Structure formats: structure tokens, C-alpha cells
Amino acid sequence: MQTRSEWTLQRLQALIRDTYGTKDQRRGIEGTFMWFMEEVGELSAALRCGSQEERIAEFADVLAWLATLANVAGVDLEAAVAAKYGSGCPGCGKLPCVCAPAEKP
């Protein structure tokens, strides 16, 4: 088992690809997206009325299914996050964000 400091999005994607890649590719983007959304729903339920242990497990599941979806779609999550958020807020460009409270993000 790896320590927390050794985990990166790249390592997560590789672990998921090595573990489930063949099945994930057969399922395709649409099927994988449906599984991802099911996990998001389970996370929603855990946030509303689940225990902390349930929340932890559901966050892990959502992250794993997001990595799966990115693998099937050919997206490097680490590169995508760095490109969009590596210089601060994508809206105002500041770190921390100074966008108006009503604005996204």
C-alpha cells in the first residue's frame, strides 16, 4: 500500500487502468458515465444522512469512477487540472479567488 504522499492523480489513473481497464473500455463512455453518476448519487445520500465512514467510502468511489471515465475518454486528469487551475482561479486568475460571491466558481 502506498503512503498518502505518494498518491497523485496520475498514479490513481494508472491504478484504475491497470485494475479495470479492459472492462472499462468494453463498457465505453456512456456506460461508464452512468456508473459514475450512480456513485455521485450515493455520495449525495451519504452527505445528507450517512456516517463519516460512508462519506469517506463514497468520495473514494466517486474519485475512482472519475478516473475511470477520464481513462476511457483519454483524458489525463493531472494535466487537465494543472491546465485549468494551476495558475489560480480560472475566472479571475487569482489565488485565492476574488470573484464576486455570486459568480462561478
N, C-alpha and C. Protein backbone atom coordinates (compact mmCIF):
# COMPACT_ATOMS: atom_id res chain seq x y z
N MET A 1 0.85 -1.19 0.00
CA MET A 1 0.00 0.00 0.00
C MET A 1 0.88 1.24 0.00
N GLN A 2 0.52 2.22 -0.78
CA GLN A 2 1.29 3.45 -0.88
C GLN A 2 0.89 4.41 0.23
N THR A 3 1.84 5.25 0.63
CA THR A 3 1.52 6.26 1.62
C THR A 3 0.78 7.40 0.94
N ARG A 4 0.16 8.24 1.71
CA ARG A 4 -0.61 9.35 1.15
C ARG A 4 0.25 10.26 0.27
N SER A 5 1.50 10.51 0.68
CA SER A 5 2.33 11.44 -0.07
C SER A 5 2.69 10.91 -1.46
N GLU A 6 2.55 9.61 -1.69
CA GLU A 6 2.89 9.03 -2.98
C GLU A 6 1.73 9.05 -3.97
N TRP A 7 0.54 9.38 -3.52
CA TRP A 7 -0.63 9.36 -4.40
C TRP A 7 -0.68 10.64 -5.22
N THR A 8 -0.92 10.47 -6.51
CA THR A 8 -1.15 11.58 -7.43
C THR A 8 -2.33 11.18 -8.30
N LEU A 9 -2.89 12.13 -9.01
CA LEU A 9 -3.96 11.79 -9.94
C LEU A 9 -3.43 10.82 -11.01
N GLN A 10 -2.20 11.03 -11.44
CA GLN A 10 -1.60 10.16 -12.44
C GLN A 10 -1.50 8.73 -11.93
N ARG A 11 -1.07 8.56 -10.69
CA ARG A 11 -0.96 7.21 -10.11
C ARG A 11 -2.34 6.58 -9.94
N LEU A 12 -3.32 7.39 -9.54
CA LEU A 12 -4.68 6.88 -9.41
C LEU A 12 -5.20 6.39 -10.75
N GLN A 13 -5.03 7.19 -11.80
CA GLN A 13 -5.49 6.76 -13.12
C GLN A 13 -4.79 5.49 -13.57
N ALA A 14 -3.50 5.38 -13.31
CA ALA A 14 -2.76 4.18 -13.69
C ALA A 14 -3.27 2.96 -12.92
N LEU A 15 -3.52 3.13 -11.62
CA LEU A 15 -4.03 2.02 -10.80
C LEU A 15 -5.39 1.55 -11.32
N ILE A 16 -6.27 2.49 -11.59
CA ILE A 16 -7.60 2.14 -12.10
C ILE A 16 -7.49 1.49 -13.47
N ARG A 17 -6.64 2.02 -14.34
CA ARG A 17 -6.44 1.45 -15.68
C ARG A 17 -5.89 0.03 -15.58
N ASP A 18 -4.89 -0.17 -14.72
CA ASP A 18 -4.29 -1.50 -14.57
C ASP A 18 -5.27 -2.50 -13.98
N THR A 19 -6.13 -2.04 -13.09
CA THR A 19 -7.07 -2.92 -12.40
C THR A 19 -8.31 -3.23 -13.24
N TYR A 20 -8.86 -2.22 -13.89
CA TYR A 20 -10.16 -2.38 -14.55
C TYR A 20 -10.18 -2.00 -16.03
N GLY A 21 -9.04 -1.62 -16.60
CA GLY A 21 -9.00 -1.03 -17.94
C GLY A 21 -9.72 -1.80 -19.03
N THR A 22 -9.54 -3.11 -19.08
CA THR A 22 -10.18 -3.91 -20.13
C THR A 22 -11.70 -3.84 -20.01
N LYS A 23 -12.21 -4.03 -18.80
CA LYS A 23 -13.66 -3.95 -18.59
C LYS A 23 -14.18 -2.54 -18.88
N ASP A 24 -13.41 -1.53 -18.46
CA ASP A 24 -13.83 -0.15 -18.66
C ASP A 24 -13.94 0.18 -20.15
N GLN A 25 -12.98 -0.24 -20.93
CA GLN A 25 -13.00 0.03 -22.38
C GLN A 25 -14.20 -0.65 -23.03
N ARG A 26 -14.50 -1.87 -22.60
CA ARG A 26 -15.68 -2.57 -23.18
C ARG A 26 -16.97 -1.86 -22.83
N ARG A 27 -17.04 -1.30 -21.63
CA ARG A 27 -18.26 -0.62 -21.18
C ARG A 27 -18.46 0.68 -21.96
N GLY A 28 -17.36 1.37 -22.28
CA GLY A 28 -17.43 2.61 -23.05
C GLY A 28 -17.78 3.82 -22.21
N ILE A 29 -17.78 4.96 -22.86
CA ILE A 29 -18.01 6.22 -22.16
C ILE A 29 -19.42 6.30 -21.59
N GLU A 30 -20.42 5.93 -22.38
CA GLU A 30 -21.80 6.07 -21.90
C GLU A 30 -22.07 5.20 -20.67
N GLY A 31 -21.68 3.93 -20.73
CA GLY A 31 -21.88 3.04 -19.59
C GLY A 31 -21.09 3.48 -18.37
N THR A 32 -19.87 3.92 -18.61
CA THR A 32 -19.02 4.38 -17.51
C THR A 32 -19.60 5.64 -16.87
N PHE A 33 -20.12 6.53 -17.69
CA PHE A 33 -20.72 7.75 -17.17
C PHE A 33 -21.93 7.41 -16.28
N MET A 34 -22.71 6.43 -16.67
CA MET A 34 -23.87 6.05 -15.86
C MET A 34 -23.42 5.51 -14.50
N TRP A 35 -22.36 4.70 -14.47
CA TRP A 35 -21.83 4.21 -13.19
C TRP A 35 -21.32 5.37 -12.34
N PHE A 36 -20.62 6.31 -12.99
CA PHE A 36 -20.11 7.49 -12.29
C PHE A 36 -21.27 8.25 -11.64
N MET A 37 -22.34 8.48 -12.40
CA MET A 37 -23.48 9.23 -11.87
C MET A 37 -24.15 8.48 -10.72
N GLU A 38 -24.21 7.16 -10.80
CA GLU A 38 -24.76 6.38 -9.69
C GLU A 38 -23.95 6.62 -8.42
N GLU A 39 -22.62 6.63 -8.57
CA GLU A 39 -21.76 6.87 -7.41
C GLU A 39 -21.94 8.29 -6.86
N VAL A 40 -22.14 9.27 -7.74
CA VAL A 40 -22.39 10.64 -7.29
C VAL A 40 -23.69 10.67 -6.48
N GLY A 41 -24.70 9.92 -6.92
CA GLY A 41 -25.94 9.83 -6.16
C GLY A 41 -25.73 9.20 -4.79
N GLU A 42 -24.89 8.17 -4.73
CA GLU A 42 -24.60 7.54 -3.44
C GLU A 42 -23.83 8.50 -2.53
N LEU A 43 -22.95 9.31 -3.10
CA LEU A 43 -22.24 10.31 -2.31
C LEU A 43 -23.23 11.34 -1.78
N SER A 44 -24.18 11.74 -2.61
CA SER A 44 -25.20 12.69 -2.17
C SER A 44 -25.96 12.16 -0.96
N ALA A 45 -26.35 10.91 -1.02
CA ALA A 45 -27.07 10.31 0.10
C ALA A 45 -26.20 10.24 1.35
N ALA A 46 -24.93 9.89 1.17
CA ALA A 46 -24.02 9.81 2.32
C ALA A 46 -23.79 11.19 2.94
N LEU A 47 -23.72 12.22 2.12
CA LEU A 47 -23.55 13.57 2.65
C LEU A 47 -24.78 14.03 3.43
N ARG A 48 -25.95 13.62 2.98
CA ARG A 48 -27.19 14.01 3.66
C ARG A 48 -27.36 13.29 4.98
N CYS A 49 -27.15 11.98 4.98
CA CYS A 49 -27.52 11.23 6.19
C CYS A 49 -26.60 10.04 6.49
N GLY A 50 -25.45 9.99 5.88
CA GLY A 50 -24.55 8.87 6.13
C GLY A 50 -23.56 9.17 7.24
N SER A 51 -22.87 8.11 7.63
CA SER A 51 -21.81 8.25 8.63
C SER A 51 -20.55 8.79 7.96
N GLN A 52 -19.59 9.19 8.75
CA GLN A 52 -18.33 9.67 8.20
C GLN A 52 -17.64 8.55 7.40
N GLU A 53 -17.72 7.33 7.86
CA GLU A 53 -17.13 6.20 7.13
C GLU A 53 -17.79 6.01 5.76
N GLU A 54 -19.11 6.16 5.70
CA GLU A 54 -19.83 6.07 4.43
C GLU A 54 -19.42 7.21 3.49
N ARG A 55 -19.28 8.41 4.03
CA ARG A 55 -18.85 9.55 3.22
C ARG A 55 -17.46 9.30 2.64
N ILE A 56 -16.55 8.82 3.46
CA ILE A 56 -15.19 8.54 3.00
C ILE A 56 -15.21 7.52 1.87
N ALA A 57 -15.97 6.45 2.05
CA ALA A 57 -16.05 5.40 1.02
C ALA A 57 -16.65 5.94 -0.28
N GLU A 58 -17.68 6.77 -0.17
CA GLU A 58 -18.33 7.30 -1.38
C GLU A 58 -17.46 8.32 -2.10
N PHE A 59 -16.72 9.14 -1.35
CA PHE A 59 -15.77 10.05 -2.00
C PHE A 59 -14.73 9.24 -2.78
N ALA A 60 -14.24 8.16 -2.19
CA ALA A 60 -13.27 7.30 -2.88
C ALA A 60 -13.87 6.70 -4.14
N ASP A 61 -15.12 6.23 -4.04
CA ASP A 61 -15.78 5.65 -5.21
C ASP A 61 -15.96 6.67 -6.33
N VAL A 62 -16.39 7.88 -5.98
CA VAL A 62 -16.60 8.91 -7.00
C VAL A 62 -15.28 9.26 -7.67
N LEU A 63 -14.22 9.40 -6.88
CA LEU A 63 -12.92 9.71 -7.46
C LEU A 63 -12.43 8.58 -8.37
N ALA A 64 -12.63 7.34 -7.95
CA ALA A 64 -12.23 6.19 -8.77
C ALA A 64 -13.01 6.15 -10.08
N TRP A 65 -14.31 6.39 -10.02
CA TRP A 65 -15.11 6.38 -11.25
C TRP A 65 -14.80 7.58 -12.13
N LEU A 66 -14.43 8.72 -11.55
CA LEU A 66 -13.99 9.85 -12.36
C LEU A 66 -12.70 9.50 -13.09
N ALA A 67 -11.78 8.84 -12.39
CA ALA A 67 -10.54 8.40 -13.04
C ALA A 67 -10.84 7.39 -14.14
N THR A 68 -11.79 6.50 -13.90
CA THR A 68 -12.19 5.53 -14.91
C THR A 68 -12.74 6.24 -16.14
N LEU A 69 -13.62 7.19 -15.93
CA LEU A 69 -14.22 7.94 -17.03
C LEU A 69 -13.14 8.70 -17.81
N ALA A 70 -12.21 9.31 -17.11
CA ALA A 70 -11.11 10.01 -17.78
C ALA A 70 -10.27 9.03 -18.60
N ASN A 71 -9.99 7.85 -18.06
CA ASN A 71 -9.23 6.85 -18.81
C ASN A 71 -9.94 6.47 -20.10
N VAL A 72 -11.22 6.18 -20.00
CA VAL A 72 -11.99 5.76 -21.18
C VAL A 72 -12.05 6.89 -22.21
N ALA A 73 -12.11 8.13 -21.74
CA ALA A 73 -12.19 9.28 -22.64
C ALA A 73 -10.81 9.76 -23.11
N GLY A 74 -9.74 9.17 -22.59
CA GLY A 74 -8.40 9.56 -23.00
C GLY A 74 -7.95 10.90 -22.44
N VAL A 75 -8.38 11.21 -21.22
CA VAL A 75 -8.04 12.49 -20.59
C VAL A 75 -7.08 12.23 -19.43
N ASP A 76 -5.98 12.95 -19.39
CA ASP A 76 -5.03 12.91 -18.28
C ASP A 76 -5.53 13.90 -17.23
N LEU A 77 -6.07 13.38 -16.14
CA LEU A 77 -6.66 14.25 -15.11
C LEU A 77 -5.65 15.23 -14.53
N GLU A 78 -4.45 14.77 -14.27
CA GLU A 78 -3.45 15.64 -13.67
C GLU A 78 -3.14 16.82 -14.59
N ALA A 79 -2.97 16.54 -15.88
CA ALA A 79 -2.70 17.61 -16.84
C ALA A 79 -3.90 18.54 -16.98
N ALA A 80 -5.11 17.98 -16.96
CA ALA A 80 -6.32 18.79 -17.10
C ALA A 80 -6.47 19.75 -15.91
N VAL A 81 -6.24 19.24 -14.70
CA VAL A 81 -6.36 20.08 -13.51
C VAL A 81 -5.28 21.15 -13.51
N ALA A 82 -4.06 20.78 -13.86
CA ALA A 82 -2.97 21.76 -13.90
C ALA A 82 -3.25 22.86 -14.92
N ALA A 83 -3.77 22.47 -16.08
CA ALA A 83 -4.05 23.45 -17.12
C ALA A 83 -5.16 24.42 -16.70
N LYS A 84 -6.18 23.91 -16.02
CA LYS A 84 -7.31 24.77 -15.68
C LYS A 84 -7.10 25.54 -14.38
N TYR A 85 -6.50 24.90 -13.36
CA TYR A 85 -6.41 25.51 -12.03
C TYR A 85 -4.99 25.79 -11.56
N GLY A 86 -4.00 25.45 -12.36
CA GLY A 86 -2.61 25.58 -11.94
C GLY A 86 -2.14 27.00 -11.70
N SER A 87 -2.83 27.98 -12.26
CA SER A 87 -2.44 29.38 -12.08
C SER A 87 -3.43 30.14 -11.21
N GLY A 88 -4.29 29.42 -10.51
CA GLY A 88 -5.28 30.06 -9.67
C GLY A 88 -6.68 29.90 -10.25
N CYS A 89 -7.57 30.74 -9.82
CA CYS A 89 -8.96 30.69 -10.25
C CYS A 89 -9.05 30.89 -11.77
N PRO A 90 -9.76 29.99 -12.47
CA PRO A 90 -9.89 30.18 -13.92
C PRO A 90 -10.72 31.41 -14.29
N GLY A 91 -11.50 31.94 -13.37
CA GLY A 91 -12.30 33.13 -13.66
C GLY A 91 -11.51 34.42 -13.52
N CYS A 92 -10.91 34.61 -12.34
CA CYS A 92 -10.22 35.88 -12.06
C CYS A 92 -8.70 35.75 -12.16
N GLY A 93 -8.20 34.53 -12.18
CA GLY A 93 -6.76 34.31 -12.27
C GLY A 93 -6.02 34.51 -10.97
N LYS A 94 -6.73 34.71 -9.88
CA LYS A 94 -6.11 34.99 -8.58
C LYS A 94 -6.11 33.74 -7.69
N LEU A 95 -5.19 33.77 -6.72
CA LEU A 95 -5.12 32.74 -5.70
C LEU A 95 -4.91 33.43 -4.37
N PRO A 96 -5.87 33.49 -3.48
CA PRO A 96 -7.19 32.89 -3.59
C PRO A 96 -8.10 33.68 -4.53
N CYS A 97 -9.19 33.04 -4.90
CA CYS A 97 -10.16 33.62 -5.82
C CYS A 97 -10.75 34.92 -5.23
N VAL A 98 -10.91 35.93 -6.12
CA VAL A 98 -11.54 37.19 -5.73
C VAL A 98 -12.80 37.46 -6.55
N CYS A 99 -13.32 36.44 -7.21
CA CYS A 99 -14.57 36.59 -7.95
C CYS A 99 -15.69 36.97 -6.98
N ALA A 100 -16.69 37.67 -7.49
CA ALA A 100 -17.85 38.01 -6.67
C ALA A 100 -18.50 36.73 -6.15
N PRO A 101 -19.04 36.77 -4.92
CA PRO A 101 -19.62 35.57 -4.31
C PRO A 101 -20.67 34.87 -5.17
N ALA A 102 -21.43 35.60 -5.96
CA ALA A 102 -22.49 35.02 -6.77
C ALA A 102 -21.95 34.38 -8.05
N GLU A 103 -20.70 34.66 -8.39
CA GLU A 103 -20.12 34.13 -9.63
C GLU A 103 -19.59 32.72 -9.43
N LYS A 104 -19.58 31.99 -10.52
CA LYS A 104 -18.95 30.68 -10.54
C LYS A 104 -17.49 30.91 -10.84
N PRO A 105 -16.53 30.36 -10.20
CA PRO A 105 -16.57 29.25 -9.28
C PRO A 105 -16.84 29.77 -7.94
